[in-house]
N, C-alpha and C. Protein backbone atom coordinates (compact mmCIF):
# COMPACT_ATOMS: atom_id res chain seq x y z
N UNK A 1 105.66 101.90 105.63
CA UNK A 1 104.24 101.83 105.83
C UNK A 1 104.11 100.67 107.28
N UNK A 2 103.88 100.65 108.22
CA UNK A 2 104.15 100.78 109.69
C UNK A 2 102.39 100.63 110.04
N UNK A 3 102.03 99.79 109.87
CA UNK A 3 100.11 98.91 110.09
C UNK A 3 100.50 97.21 110.62
N UNK A 4 99.59 97.46 112.53
CA UNK A 4 99.46 96.58 112.45
C UNK A 4 97.84 95.87 112.26
N UNK A 5 97.80 94.78 113.41
CA UNK A 5 96.68 94.46 113.30
C UNK A 5 96.55 94.26 115.20
N UNK A 6 95.41 94.88 115.95
CA UNK A 6 95.46 94.36 117.10
C UNK A 6 93.77 93.74 117.93
N UNK A 7 94.14 93.52 118.28
CA UNK A 7 92.69 92.95 119.66
C UNK A 7 92.77 93.18 120.45
N UNK A 8 90.97 94.10 120.04
CA UNK A 8 91.33 95.59 121.68
C UNK A 8 89.75 95.29 122.01
N UNK A 9 90.18 95.65 123.23
CA UNK A 9 89.28 94.96 124.54
C UNK A 9 87.83 95.61 125.35
N UNK A 10 85.96 95.76 125.29
CA UNK A 10 85.37 96.16 125.81
C UNK A 10 85.23 95.96 126.88
N UNK A 11 85.18 97.51 127.94
CA UNK A 11 85.34 96.45 128.81
C UNK A 11 83.59 97.17 130.30
N UNK A 12 83.26 97.31 131.18
CA UNK A 12 82.68 97.81 131.68
C UNK A 12 82.54 98.08 133.15
N UNK A 13 83.79 99.41 132.99
CA UNK A 13 83.84 99.14 134.28
C UNK A 13 85.50 99.04 134.86
N UNK A 14 86.05 98.25 134.17
CA UNK A 14 86.08 97.65 134.97
C UNK A 14 87.77 96.62 134.37
N UNK A 15 87.73 98.14 133.31
CA UNK A 15 89.34 97.87 132.11
C UNK A 15 90.84 98.15 132.86
N UNK A 16 90.75 98.84 133.10
CA UNK A 16 92.00 99.34 134.12
C UNK A 16 92.41 97.76 134.54
N UNK A 17 91.50 97.45 135.72
CA UNK A 17 91.46 96.47 136.39
C UNK A 17 92.48 95.31 135.87
N UNK A 18 91.30 94.83 134.23
CA UNK A 18 91.64 94.27 134.18
C UNK A 18 93.31 94.07 132.56
N UNK A 19 93.33 95.60 132.17
CA UNK A 19 94.36 95.33 131.68
C UNK A 19 95.82 95.48 132.73
N UNK A 20 95.57 95.92 133.60
CA UNK A 20 97.07 95.80 134.67
C UNK A 20 96.88 94.36 135.11
N UNK A 21 96.24 93.32 135.04
CA UNK A 21 96.69 91.61 135.22
C UNK A 21 96.39 91.12 133.83
N UNK A 22 96.52 92.25 133.14
CA UNK A 22 96.86 91.50 131.12
C UNK A 22 99.10 92.25 131.64
N UNK A 23 99.04 93.27 131.84
CA UNK A 23 99.98 93.53 132.02
C UNK A 23 100.71 92.82 132.98
N UNK A 24 101.00 92.21 134.40
CA UNK A 24 100.97 91.49 135.53
C UNK A 24 101.59 89.92 135.18
N UNK A 25 100.54 90.23 134.30
CA UNK A 25 100.68 88.35 133.42
C UNK A 25 101.47 88.24 131.82
N UNK A 26 101.09 88.93 130.99
CA UNK A 26 102.59 89.01 130.19
C UNK A 26 103.34 89.98 129.67
N UNK A 27 103.52 90.87 131.57
CA UNK A 27 104.34 92.01 130.83
C UNK A 27 104.50 93.23 130.27
N UNK A 28 105.49 93.34 130.06
CA UNK A 28 105.37 95.53 129.22
C UNK A 28 104.65 95.84 129.94
N UNK A 29 105.08 97.34 128.94
CA UNK A 29 104.72 98.88 129.77
C UNK A 29 103.30 98.83 129.45
N UNK A 30 102.17 99.99 130.09
CA UNK A 30 100.79 99.67 130.04
C UNK A 30 100.90 101.36 129.94
N UNK A 31 99.53 102.10 128.44
CA UNK A 31 99.66 102.65 128.69
C UNK A 31 97.87 103.56 128.57
N UNK A 32 97.96 103.96 129.86
CA UNK A 32 95.97 104.39 129.62
C UNK A 32 96.03 106.11 129.63
N UNK A 33 94.58 105.69 128.96
CA UNK A 33 93.64 107.61 128.72
C UNK A 33 92.85 107.09 128.88
N UNK A 34 92.73 108.46 130.19
CA UNK A 34 91.23 108.33 130.98
C UNK A 34 89.66 108.93 130.07
N UNK A 35 88.32 109.08 130.23
CA UNK A 35 87.53 109.47 129.39
C UNK A 35 87.46 111.23 130.09
N UNK A 36 88.49 111.56 131.12
CA UNK A 36 88.41 113.46 131.96
C UNK A 36 89.48 113.85 130.86
N UNK A 37 90.78 113.25 129.86
CA UNK A 37 90.93 114.07 129.50
C UNK A 37 90.40 114.45 127.49
N UNK A 38 88.97 113.92 127.04
CA UNK A 38 88.77 114.40 126.12
C UNK A 38 87.97 115.32 126.76
N UNK A 39 87.65 115.94 125.50
CA UNK A 39 87.51 116.97 125.99
C UNK A 39 85.92 116.52 125.41
N UNK A 40 84.35 117.15 126.28
CA UNK A 40 83.47 117.06 126.13
C UNK A 40 83.28 115.34 126.78
N UNK A 41 83.33 114.56 127.02
CA UNK A 41 82.92 113.54 128.04
C UNK A 41 82.51 113.74 129.63
N UNK A 42 81.23 113.04 129.58
CA UNK A 42 80.55 112.80 130.75
C UNK A 42 81.30 113.47 132.63
N UNK A 43 81.50 113.46 132.68
CA UNK A 43 82.15 113.95 133.81
C UNK A 43 81.52 112.79 134.53
N UNK A 44 80.69 112.28 135.12
CA UNK A 44 80.88 110.73 135.72
C UNK A 44 81.23 109.95 134.85
N UNK A 45 81.59 110.02 134.01
CA UNK A 45 82.41 109.06 133.89
C UNK A 45 83.78 109.05 133.48
N UNK A 46 84.83 110.01 134.41
CA UNK A 46 85.98 111.06 133.95
C UNK A 46 87.20 109.67 134.64
N UNK A 47 86.84 109.12 135.39
CA UNK A 47 87.70 107.10 135.79
C UNK A 47 88.23 106.75 134.97
N UNK A 48 87.44 106.49 134.53
CA UNK A 48 87.25 105.07 132.80
C UNK A 48 87.82 104.78 132.51
N UNK A 49 87.98 104.06 132.05
CA UNK A 49 89.31 103.91 130.46
C UNK A 49 89.41 104.39 129.69
N UNK A 50 88.64 105.51 128.18
CA UNK A 50 89.06 105.77 126.94
C UNK A 50 90.01 105.22 126.10
N UNK A 51 90.63 104.55 126.35
CA UNK A 51 91.79 104.44 124.89
C UNK A 51 92.60 103.03 126.78
N UNK A 52 93.27 102.03 126.05
CA UNK A 52 94.81 102.11 127.58
C UNK A 52 95.41 100.72 126.71
N UNK A 53 96.45 100.34 126.20
CA UNK A 53 97.62 99.33 124.96
C UNK A 53 98.87 99.13 125.76
N UNK A 54 98.15 97.52 125.73
CA UNK A 54 99.39 97.44 126.75
C UNK A 54 101.12 96.39 125.49
N UNK A 55 101.43 96.94 125.76
CA UNK A 55 102.67 96.56 124.86
C UNK A 55 103.20 95.70 125.12
N UNK A 56 104.40 94.32 125.19
CA UNK A 56 105.10 93.47 125.58
C UNK A 56 106.52 93.54 125.15
N UNK A 57 107.45 93.30 125.50
CA UNK A 57 108.37 92.73 125.15
C UNK A 57 108.82 92.02 124.18
N UNK A 58 108.17 90.73 124.12
CA UNK A 58 108.11 90.81 123.12
C UNK A 58 107.19 90.23 121.62
N UNK A 59 106.42 92.02 121.93
CA UNK A 59 106.04 92.38 120.31
C UNK A 59 105.07 92.07 120.63
N UNK A 60 103.78 91.52 121.38
CA UNK A 60 102.10 91.45 121.64
C UNK A 60 101.64 92.83 122.22
N UNK A 61 100.37 93.46 121.51
CA UNK A 61 100.26 94.85 121.77
C UNK A 61 98.45 94.23 122.16
N UNK A 62 98.18 94.61 123.33
CA UNK A 62 96.58 94.11 123.78
C UNK A 62 96.18 95.74 124.35
N UNK A 63 94.67 95.79 123.18
CA UNK A 63 94.48 97.88 123.77
C UNK A 63 92.36 96.98 124.65
N UNK A 64 92.35 97.77 124.61
CA UNK A 64 91.40 98.53 126.72
C UNK A 64 90.59 99.22 126.32
N UNK A 65 89.40 99.20 126.81
CA UNK A 65 88.64 100.46 126.78
C UNK A 65 87.34 100.31 127.98
N UNK A 66 87.60 100.78 128.69
CA UNK A 66 85.87 101.26 129.45
C UNK A 66 84.68 101.81 127.49
N UNK A 67 83.20 100.89 127.98
CA UNK A 67 82.07 101.03 126.79
C UNK A 67 81.51 101.73 128.39
N UNK A 68 81.78 103.47 127.24
CA UNK A 68 80.91 104.25 128.07
C UNK A 68 78.86 103.78 128.75
N UNK A 69 78.06 104.57 129.08
CA UNK A 69 77.28 103.47 130.48
C UNK A 69 75.76 104.43 128.32
N UNK A 70 76.16 104.81 127.67
CA UNK A 70 75.19 105.12 126.50
C UNK A 70 75.23 104.55 125.80
N UNK A 71 76.14 103.67 125.87
CA UNK A 71 76.35 102.44 124.51
C UNK A 71 76.13 101.68 125.64
N UNK A 72 75.66 99.93 124.51
CA UNK A 72 75.18 99.19 124.88
C UNK A 72 76.59 98.51 124.52
N UNK A 73 76.95 96.99 125.23
CA UNK A 73 77.58 96.63 125.55
C UNK A 73 76.93 94.94 126.13
N UNK A 74 77.95 94.50 125.43
CA UNK A 74 77.04 93.07 124.74
C UNK A 74 77.74 92.28 125.37
N UNK A 75 78.19 90.99 126.57
CA UNK A 75 79.94 90.19 126.44
C UNK A 75 79.00 89.19 125.26
N UNK A 76 80.41 89.40 125.04
CA UNK A 76 80.53 88.42 123.97
C UNK A 76 80.71 89.20 122.91
N UNK A 77 80.62 89.78 122.47
CA UNK A 77 81.23 91.03 121.41
C UNK A 77 80.82 92.01 122.06
N UNK A 78 82.45 91.45 122.79
CA UNK A 78 82.81 92.65 123.51
C UNK A 78 84.81 92.78 123.45
N UNK A 79 84.68 92.71 121.90
CA UNK A 79 86.37 92.67 121.37
C UNK A 79 85.90 93.04 119.61
N UNK A 80 86.25 93.85 119.37
CA UNK A 80 87.05 94.99 117.93
C UNK A 80 88.47 94.70 117.49
N UNK A 81 88.78 94.57 116.45
CA UNK A 81 90.48 93.72 115.06
C UNK A 81 90.22 96.28 115.47
N UNK A 82 91.14 95.84 116.10
CA UNK A 82 92.51 97.23 115.47
C UNK A 82 93.05 97.47 114.65
N UNK A 83 92.85 98.24 113.33
CA UNK A 83 93.90 99.09 112.86
C UNK A 83 94.51 100.09 112.49
N UNK A 84 95.67 99.52 112.75
CA UNK A 84 96.58 101.10 112.66
C UNK A 84 98.14 101.20 112.47
N UNK A 85 98.29 102.83 111.94
CA UNK A 85 99.39 102.69 112.04
C UNK A 85 99.57 103.86 110.90
N UNK A 86 99.83 104.42 110.61
CA UNK A 86 101.57 105.84 109.28
C UNK A 86 100.07 106.07 108.82
N UNK A 87 99.64 105.24 107.73
CA UNK A 87 99.36 105.47 106.41
C UNK A 87 98.49 105.09 106.48
N UNK A 88 97.71 107.03 106.83
CA UNK A 88 96.15 106.61 106.11
C UNK A 88 95.65 106.32 105.45
N UNK A 89 96.38 107.16 103.56
CA UNK A 89 95.78 106.62 103.00
C UNK A 89 95.78 104.76 102.03
N UNK A 90 95.96 103.87 102.88
CA UNK A 90 95.94 102.29 103.24
C UNK A 90 94.84 101.98 103.69
N UNK A 91 95.26 102.77 104.73
CA UNK A 91 94.51 102.99 105.93
C UNK A 91 93.04 103.51 106.11
N UNK A 92 92.45 104.18 104.86
CA UNK A 92 91.11 105.18 104.89
C UNK A 92 90.51 103.82 103.26
N UNK A 93 91.42 103.67 102.59
CA UNK A 93 91.26 103.01 101.60
C UNK A 93 90.42 101.56 102.36
N UNK A 94 91.41 100.69 103.19
CA UNK A 94 90.63 100.05 104.16
C UNK A 94 89.38 99.52 105.34
N UNK A 95 89.45 101.22 105.69
CA UNK A 95 88.03 102.13 105.71
C UNK A 95 87.21 100.94 105.30
N UNK A 96 87.09 102.61 103.94
CA UNK A 96 86.29 102.68 102.97
C UNK A 96 85.69 101.01 103.06
N UNK A 97 86.45 99.78 102.12
CA UNK A 97 86.37 98.11 101.63
C UNK A 97 85.94 97.90 103.21
N UNK A 98 85.38 97.82 104.23
CA UNK A 98 85.01 96.91 104.91
C UNK A 98 84.33 97.91 105.22
N UNK A 99 84.09 99.52 105.67
CA UNK A 99 82.72 100.29 105.73
C UNK A 99 81.54 99.33 104.34
N UNK A 100 81.86 98.22 103.65
CA UNK A 100 81.10 98.34 102.47
C UNK A 100 80.16 96.87 102.67
N UNK A 101 78.99 97.32 103.08
CA UNK A 101 77.76 96.16 103.44
C UNK A 101 77.98 96.75 104.21
N UNK A 102 78.19 97.36 105.44
CA UNK A 102 78.59 97.50 107.04
C UNK A 102 77.57 97.82 107.23
N UNK A 103 77.72 98.42 109.27
CA UNK A 103 78.32 100.44 109.32
C UNK A 103 78.72 101.21 109.84
N UNK A 104 78.62 101.92 109.51
CA UNK A 104 79.78 103.55 109.67
C UNK A 104 78.63 104.14 111.46
N UNK A 105 80.15 103.36 112.13
CA UNK A 105 79.64 104.08 113.72
C UNK A 105 80.36 104.96 114.08
N UNK A 106 81.88 105.13 113.34
CA UNK A 106 81.58 106.86 113.59
C UNK A 106 83.40 107.15 112.48
N UNK A 107 82.32 107.40 111.74
CA UNK A 107 83.31 107.89 110.35
C UNK A 107 84.70 108.23 110.13
N UNK A 108 85.72 107.99 109.05
CA UNK A 108 87.10 108.33 109.14
C UNK A 108 87.55 109.44 108.90
N UNK A 109 87.59 110.49 110.42
CA UNK A 109 88.16 111.86 110.01
C UNK A 109 89.20 111.89 110.65
N UNK A 110 89.80 112.51 111.19
CA UNK A 110 90.65 113.56 112.16
C UNK A 110 89.34 113.23 113.70
N UNK A 111 89.99 113.21 114.40
CA UNK A 111 89.84 112.27 116.45
C UNK A 111 90.24 113.99 117.23
N UNK A 112 89.65 114.37 117.92
CA UNK A 112 90.35 115.41 119.28
C UNK A 112 92.04 114.67 119.73
N UNK A 113 92.47 113.77 119.18
CA UNK A 113 94.36 113.28 119.06
C UNK A 113 94.67 114.11 118.86
N UNK A 114 93.98 114.29 117.71
CA UNK A 114 94.65 114.11 116.51
C UNK A 114 94.80 113.23 115.03
N UNK A 115 95.26 112.75 115.76
CA UNK A 115 94.95 111.52 113.92
C UNK A 115 93.77 109.99 113.25
N UNK A 116 93.67 110.15 112.37
CA UNK A 116 92.57 110.21 111.34
C UNK A 116 91.94 108.71 112.30
N UNK A 117 90.59 108.62 112.72
CA UNK A 117 89.75 107.25 113.02
C UNK A 117 88.86 107.18 113.33
N UNK A 118 88.40 105.96 112.23
CA UNK A 118 86.91 105.78 112.20
C UNK A 118 86.44 104.97 112.56
N UNK A 119 85.01 103.77 113.60
CA UNK A 119 85.06 103.05 113.73
C UNK A 119 83.96 102.25 112.79
N UNK A 120 83.46 101.34 112.89
CA UNK A 120 82.35 100.37 111.64
C UNK A 120 82.59 98.71 111.96
N UNK A 121 81.57 98.70 111.89
CA UNK A 121 80.78 96.91 111.57
C UNK A 121 80.56 96.73 110.47
N UNK A 122 81.51 95.70 110.81
CA UNK A 122 81.00 95.05 108.61
C UNK A 122 80.38 94.33 108.63
N UNK A 123 80.18 93.24 107.51
CA UNK A 123 78.93 93.60 106.90
C UNK A 123 78.18 92.20 107.25
N UNK A 124 79.43 91.13 107.83
CA UNK A 124 79.53 89.68 108.88
C UNK A 124 79.38 90.54 110.47
N UNK A 125 79.50 91.17 110.67
CA UNK A 125 78.60 91.84 112.60
C UNK A 125 81.13 92.07 113.20
N UNK A 126 81.41 92.01 112.77
CA UNK A 126 82.76 92.61 113.53
C UNK A 126 82.79 93.11 112.99
N UNK A 127 83.07 93.86 114.01
CA UNK A 127 83.33 95.78 115.02
C UNK A 127 85.22 95.86 114.78
N UNK A 128 85.61 96.41 114.05
CA UNK A 128 86.30 97.45 113.42
C UNK A 128 86.85 99.47 113.64
N UNK A 129 87.85 98.69 114.44
CA UNK A 129 88.72 100.24 114.79
C UNK A 129 89.83 100.76 113.32
N UNK A 130 89.99 102.55 113.16
CA UNK A 130 90.95 102.32 111.92
C UNK A 130 91.98 103.56 112.15
N UNK A 131 93.15 103.64 113.13
CA UNK A 131 93.60 104.71 112.70
C UNK A 131 94.53 104.76 112.22
N UNK A 132 94.91 106.24 111.69
CA UNK A 132 95.65 106.61 111.48
C UNK A 132 96.25 107.60 111.67
N UNK A 133 98.08 107.07 112.62
CA UNK A 133 98.62 108.32 113.45
C UNK A 133 99.31 109.75 112.34
N UNK A 134 99.02 110.53 113.12
CA UNK A 134 99.26 112.17 113.29
C UNK A 134 100.69 112.05 111.95
N UNK A 135 100.44 112.69 110.94
CA UNK A 135 102.24 113.09 110.15
C UNK A 135 102.54 113.46 111.42
């Protein structure tokens, strides 16, 4: 079983600049997916970053995205903890446990990119994303 715990930063219209800056500082490989690549997204936000992941030679992983205009973004609340890996049963159990007393914002289910994915805010106000890679 592989599981990782990563910070996930939220931005408003400048995720690409921020993630490229972090790459210039930390080195590594930057993967970027835009909203244009997601079915049903707002064409006005096509060039915004839906998901990005910087993986450094030292094994650090930093993720980030632009928050769509329809969603609130409060400076200071702009970080989410991301659990990811390949064990859907374990990750699903953690998702359910973290959701107890909290608020599920996206149920843990198959996402358009093929993985099982969900988002929630736990009872302490911490934002979480859980992603289990497709087999």
